[in-house]
């Protein structure tokens, strides 16, 4: 496969589809893992909320060890609100101040 002659000005890396795809993939992983870390951190700080999430998950899975499936996500109303609140408190990309 022929490499493009264009290069990124800041670091002299050849700019092609593979480079851009690789960068976007790992940026997505970074933002996802950061969001998950903040949510876990907040659950650790607020054990009452953590207990509520645990009780909801216990009710959904009913003590079985069955694997989680997409259909269970619609039942996780409280957990969804917890995730959304953690994203509100610690957004992936901070908003810019209004002028």
N, C-alpha and C. Protein backbone atom coordinates (compact mmCIF):
# COMPACT_ATOMS: atom_id res chain seq x y z
N UNK A 1 0.85 -1.17 0.00
CA UNK A 1 0.00 0.00 0.00
C UNK A 1 0.90 1.24 0.00
N UNK A 2 0.62 2.17 -0.88
CA UNK A 2 1.45 3.37 -1.00
C UNK A 2 1.13 4.34 0.12
N UNK A 3 2.16 4.89 0.72
CA UNK A 3 2.00 5.87 1.79
C UNK A 3 1.80 7.24 1.19
N UNK A 4 1.00 8.05 1.83
CA UNK A 4 0.78 9.41 1.38
C UNK A 4 2.03 10.24 1.65
N UNK A 5 2.28 11.21 0.81
CA UNK A 5 3.46 12.08 0.99
C UNK A 5 3.20 13.15 2.04
N UNK A 6 1.93 13.38 2.40
CA UNK A 6 1.62 14.40 3.40
C UNK A 6 2.07 13.93 4.77
N UNK A 7 2.50 14.86 5.60
CA UNK A 7 2.93 14.54 6.96
C UNK A 7 2.30 15.52 7.93
N UNK A 8 2.11 15.07 9.15
CA UNK A 8 1.64 15.97 10.19
C UNK A 8 2.75 16.97 10.49
N UNK A 9 2.41 18.24 10.54
CA UNK A 9 3.42 19.28 10.73
C UNK A 9 4.11 19.19 12.08
N UNK A 10 3.37 18.82 13.12
CA UNK A 10 3.93 18.85 14.47
C UNK A 10 4.94 17.73 14.73
N UNK A 11 4.80 16.59 14.09
CA UNK A 11 5.67 15.48 14.47
C UNK A 11 6.22 14.69 13.29
N UNK A 12 6.00 15.12 12.08
CA UNK A 12 6.58 14.49 10.89
C UNK A 12 6.17 13.03 10.71
N UNK A 13 4.97 12.69 11.15
CA UNK A 13 4.44 11.34 10.96
C UNK A 13 3.66 11.31 9.66
N UNK A 14 3.87 10.30 8.83
CA UNK A 14 3.10 10.22 7.59
C UNK A 14 1.61 10.17 7.91
N UNK A 15 0.82 10.98 7.22
CA UNK A 15 -0.62 11.05 7.45
C UNK A 15 -1.32 10.13 6.46
N UNK A 16 -1.89 9.06 6.94
CA UNK A 16 -2.64 8.16 6.10
C UNK A 16 -3.81 7.59 6.88
N UNK A 17 -4.59 6.77 6.24
CA UNK A 17 -5.79 6.23 6.86
C UNK A 17 -5.45 5.40 8.10
N UNK A 18 -4.40 4.59 8.01
CA UNK A 18 -4.04 3.74 9.15
C UNK A 18 -3.66 4.58 10.37
N UNK A 19 -2.88 5.64 10.16
CA UNK A 19 -2.46 6.50 11.27
C UNK A 19 -3.66 7.17 11.91
N UNK A 20 -4.56 7.71 11.10
CA UNK A 20 -5.73 8.39 11.63
C UNK A 20 -6.67 7.42 12.34
N UNK A 21 -6.86 6.24 11.77
CA UNK A 21 -7.73 5.23 12.40
C UNK A 21 -7.17 4.80 13.75
N UNK A 22 -5.87 4.58 13.80
CA UNK A 22 -5.20 4.18 15.03
C UNK A 22 -5.38 5.25 16.11
N UNK A 23 -5.17 6.51 15.74
CA UNK A 23 -5.30 7.61 16.69
C UNK A 23 -6.72 7.73 17.20
N UNK A 24 -7.70 7.65 16.33
CA UNK A 24 -9.10 7.78 16.75
C UNK A 24 -9.52 6.61 17.63
N UNK A 25 -9.05 5.41 17.31
CA UNK A 25 -9.39 4.25 18.11
C UNK A 25 -8.89 4.41 19.54
N UNK A 26 -7.64 4.80 19.71
CA UNK A 26 -7.09 4.91 21.05
C UNK A 26 -7.60 6.14 21.80
N UNK A 27 -7.99 7.18 21.08
CA UNK A 27 -8.62 8.32 21.76
C UNK A 27 -9.97 7.89 22.32
N UNK A 28 -10.69 7.06 21.58
CA UNK A 28 -11.97 6.55 22.06
C UNK A 28 -11.81 5.67 23.28
N UNK A 29 -10.78 4.83 23.29
CA UNK A 29 -10.52 3.99 24.45
C UNK A 29 -10.17 4.83 25.67
N UNK A 30 -9.40 5.87 25.46
CA UNK A 30 -8.97 6.72 26.57
C UNK A 30 -10.16 7.42 27.20
N UNK A 31 -11.04 7.98 26.40
CA UNK A 31 -12.19 8.69 26.96
C UNK A 31 -13.14 7.74 27.65
N UNK A 32 -13.32 6.54 27.10
CA UNK A 32 -14.20 5.55 27.73
C UNK A 32 -13.63 5.10 29.08
N UNK A 33 -12.35 4.79 29.11
CA UNK A 33 -11.75 4.33 30.36
C UNK A 33 -11.74 5.44 31.42
N UNK A 34 -11.53 6.67 31.00
CA UNK A 34 -11.56 7.79 31.94
C UNK A 34 -12.96 7.95 32.53
N UNK A 35 -13.98 7.85 31.70
CA UNK A 35 -15.36 7.97 32.18
C UNK A 35 -15.70 6.86 33.16
N UNK A 36 -15.27 5.64 32.85
CA UNK A 36 -15.53 4.51 33.75
C UNK A 36 -14.82 4.71 35.08
N UNK A 37 -13.59 5.20 35.03
CA UNK A 37 -12.83 5.44 36.27
C UNK A 37 -13.52 6.47 37.15
N UNK A 38 -14.03 7.56 36.55
CA UNK A 38 -14.72 8.57 37.34
C UNK A 38 -15.99 7.99 37.96
N UNK A 39 -16.73 7.19 37.20
CA UNK A 39 -17.95 6.60 37.72
C UNK A 39 -17.64 5.67 38.90
N UNK A 40 -16.60 4.86 38.77
CA UNK A 40 -16.21 3.95 39.87
C UNK A 40 -15.74 4.75 41.08
N UNK A 41 -14.99 5.81 40.83
CA UNK A 41 -14.52 6.68 41.92
C UNK A 41 -15.71 7.27 42.69
N UNK A 42 -16.68 7.78 41.95
CA UNK A 42 -17.85 8.38 42.60
C UNK A 42 -18.67 7.34 43.36
N UNK A 43 -18.79 6.15 42.80
CA UNK A 43 -19.50 5.09 43.51
C UNK A 43 -18.77 4.72 44.80
N UNK A 44 -17.44 4.76 44.77
CA UNK A 44 -16.67 4.50 45.98
C UNK A 44 -16.86 5.56 47.05
N UNK A 45 -17.03 6.80 46.61
CA UNK A 45 -17.25 7.89 47.56
C UNK A 45 -18.64 7.85 48.18
N UNK A 46 -19.60 7.42 47.40
CA UNK A 46 -21.00 7.45 47.83
C UNK A 46 -21.52 6.02 47.95
N UNK A 47 -21.25 5.41 49.10
CA UNK A 47 -21.60 4.00 49.29
C UNK A 47 -23.11 3.77 49.29
N UNK A 48 -23.89 4.78 49.66
CA UNK A 48 -25.34 4.61 49.60
C UNK A 48 -25.81 4.44 48.16
N UNK A 49 -25.24 5.21 47.26
CA UNK A 49 -25.57 5.09 45.84
C UNK A 49 -25.06 3.75 45.32
N UNK A 50 -23.86 3.38 45.73
CA UNK A 50 -23.28 2.09 45.33
C UNK A 50 -24.19 0.94 45.75
N UNK A 51 -24.73 1.01 46.95
CA UNK A 51 -25.64 -0.03 47.43
C UNK A 51 -26.93 -0.07 46.61
N UNK A 52 -27.43 1.10 46.22
CA UNK A 52 -28.64 1.15 45.38
C UNK A 52 -28.39 0.51 44.02
N UNK A 53 -27.22 0.79 43.43
CA UNK A 53 -26.86 0.19 42.14
C UNK A 53 -26.75 -1.33 42.31
N UNK A 54 -26.10 -1.76 43.38
CA UNK A 54 -25.94 -3.19 43.65
C UNK A 54 -27.30 -3.87 43.78
N UNK A 55 -28.21 -3.25 44.52
CA UNK A 55 -29.54 -3.84 44.70
C UNK A 55 -30.30 -3.92 43.38
N UNK A 56 -30.16 -2.89 42.54
CA UNK A 56 -30.82 -2.93 41.24
C UNK A 56 -30.27 -4.07 40.38
N UNK A 57 -28.95 -4.22 40.36
CA UNK A 57 -28.34 -5.28 39.56
C UNK A 57 -28.70 -6.66 40.12
N UNK A 58 -28.77 -6.76 41.44
CA UNK A 58 -29.15 -8.02 42.07
C UNK A 58 -30.58 -8.40 41.69
N UNK A 59 -31.45 -7.40 41.63
CA UNK A 59 -32.85 -7.63 41.26
C UNK A 59 -32.95 -8.05 39.79
N UNK A 60 -32.16 -7.44 38.92
CA UNK A 60 -32.20 -7.76 37.49
C UNK A 60 -31.67 -9.16 37.23
N UNK A 61 -30.55 -9.50 37.82
CA UNK A 61 -29.92 -10.79 37.56
C UNK A 61 -30.45 -11.91 38.46
N UNK A 62 -31.15 -11.57 39.51
CA UNK A 62 -31.82 -12.52 40.40
C UNK A 62 -30.91 -13.65 40.88
N UNK A 63 -29.69 -13.29 41.23
CA UNK A 63 -28.76 -14.25 41.81
C UNK A 63 -28.16 -15.25 40.83
N UNK A 64 -28.48 -15.13 39.55
CA UNK A 64 -27.92 -16.09 38.59
C UNK A 64 -26.56 -15.59 38.11
N UNK A 65 -25.82 -16.48 37.49
CA UNK A 65 -24.52 -16.09 36.94
C UNK A 65 -24.58 -15.98 35.41
N UNK A 66 -25.79 -15.73 34.90
CA UNK A 66 -25.95 -15.60 33.46
C UNK A 66 -25.21 -14.36 32.97
N UNK A 67 -24.71 -14.40 31.76
CA UNK A 67 -23.97 -13.24 31.24
C UNK A 67 -24.89 -12.05 30.98
N UNK A 68 -24.34 -10.87 31.11
CA UNK A 68 -25.11 -9.65 30.83
C UNK A 68 -25.39 -9.56 29.34
N UNK A 69 -26.60 -9.13 29.00
CA UNK A 69 -26.99 -8.97 27.60
C UNK A 69 -27.56 -7.57 27.40
N UNK A 70 -27.65 -7.18 26.17
CA UNK A 70 -28.14 -5.83 25.84
C UNK A 70 -29.55 -5.59 26.39
N UNK A 71 -30.37 -6.62 26.42
CA UNK A 71 -31.76 -6.42 26.88
C UNK A 71 -31.81 -6.00 28.35
N UNK A 72 -30.78 -6.36 29.13
CA UNK A 72 -30.75 -5.98 30.55
C UNK A 72 -30.48 -4.49 30.73
N UNK A 73 -29.84 -3.87 29.75
CA UNK A 73 -29.53 -2.44 29.87
C UNK A 73 -30.78 -1.60 30.03
N UNK A 74 -31.86 -1.97 29.36
CA UNK A 74 -33.10 -1.19 29.47
C UNK A 74 -33.70 -1.27 30.86
N UNK A 75 -33.33 -2.28 31.63
CA UNK A 75 -33.84 -2.42 32.99
C UNK A 75 -33.00 -1.66 34.01
N UNK A 76 -31.82 -1.23 33.63
CA UNK A 76 -30.91 -0.56 34.56
C UNK A 76 -31.15 0.95 34.59
N UNK A 77 -32.31 1.33 35.09
CA UNK A 77 -32.70 2.75 35.11
C UNK A 77 -31.86 3.55 36.10
N UNK A 78 -31.70 3.06 37.30
CA UNK A 78 -30.94 3.78 38.32
C UNK A 78 -29.46 3.87 37.94
N UNK A 79 -28.92 2.74 37.49
CA UNK A 79 -27.50 2.70 37.09
C UNK A 79 -27.24 3.67 35.94
N UNK A 80 -28.18 3.77 35.02
CA UNK A 80 -28.05 4.71 33.91
C UNK A 80 -27.99 6.15 34.42
N UNK A 81 -28.81 6.48 35.39
CA UNK A 81 -28.79 7.84 35.96
C UNK A 81 -27.47 8.12 36.68
N UNK A 82 -26.92 7.09 37.33
CA UNK A 82 -25.62 7.24 38.00
C UNK A 82 -24.53 7.55 36.97
N UNK A 83 -24.52 6.81 35.86
CA UNK A 83 -23.52 7.03 34.81
C UNK A 83 -23.68 8.43 34.22
N UNK A 84 -24.91 8.83 33.95
CA UNK A 84 -25.15 10.16 33.38
C UNK A 84 -24.71 11.26 34.34
N UNK A 85 -24.94 11.06 35.62
CA UNK A 85 -24.51 12.07 36.60
C UNK A 85 -23.00 12.15 36.68
N UNK A 86 -22.31 11.02 36.61
CA UNK A 86 -20.84 11.06 36.63
C UNK A 86 -20.30 11.75 35.38
N UNK A 87 -20.97 11.56 34.24
CA UNK A 87 -20.56 12.26 33.01
C UNK A 87 -20.85 13.76 33.11
N UNK A 88 -21.91 14.12 33.84
CA UNK A 88 -22.21 15.54 34.03
C UNK A 88 -21.15 16.19 34.92
N UNK A 89 -20.77 15.49 35.98
CA UNK A 89 -19.78 16.04 36.90
C UNK A 89 -18.38 16.07 36.31
N UNK A 90 -18.04 15.02 35.57
CA UNK A 90 -16.71 14.90 34.96
C UNK A 90 -16.86 14.59 33.47
N UNK A 91 -17.19 15.61 32.67
CA UNK A 91 -17.40 15.37 31.25
C UNK A 91 -16.12 14.92 30.54
N UNK A 92 -16.32 14.19 29.45
CA UNK A 92 -15.18 13.72 28.67
C UNK A 92 -14.39 14.89 28.13
N UNK A 93 -15.11 15.84 27.56
CA UNK A 93 -14.48 17.05 27.05
C UNK A 93 -15.09 18.23 27.80
N UNK A 94 -14.32 18.92 28.60
CA UNK A 94 -14.87 20.05 29.35
C UNK A 94 -15.45 21.09 28.39
N UNK A 95 -16.54 21.68 28.80
CA UNK A 95 -17.16 22.71 27.96
C UNK A 95 -16.37 24.00 28.04
N UNK A 96 -16.46 24.75 26.99
CA UNK A 96 -15.77 26.03 26.93
C UNK A 96 -16.62 27.08 27.63
N UNK A 97 -15.99 28.02 28.32
CA UNK A 97 -16.79 29.06 28.99
C UNK A 97 -17.47 29.97 27.96
N UNK A 98 -18.65 30.39 28.32
CA UNK A 98 -19.39 31.29 27.42
C UNK A 98 -18.81 32.69 27.51
N UNK A 99 -18.87 33.38 26.38
CA UNK A 99 -18.35 34.76 26.34
C UNK A 99 -19.43 35.75 26.62
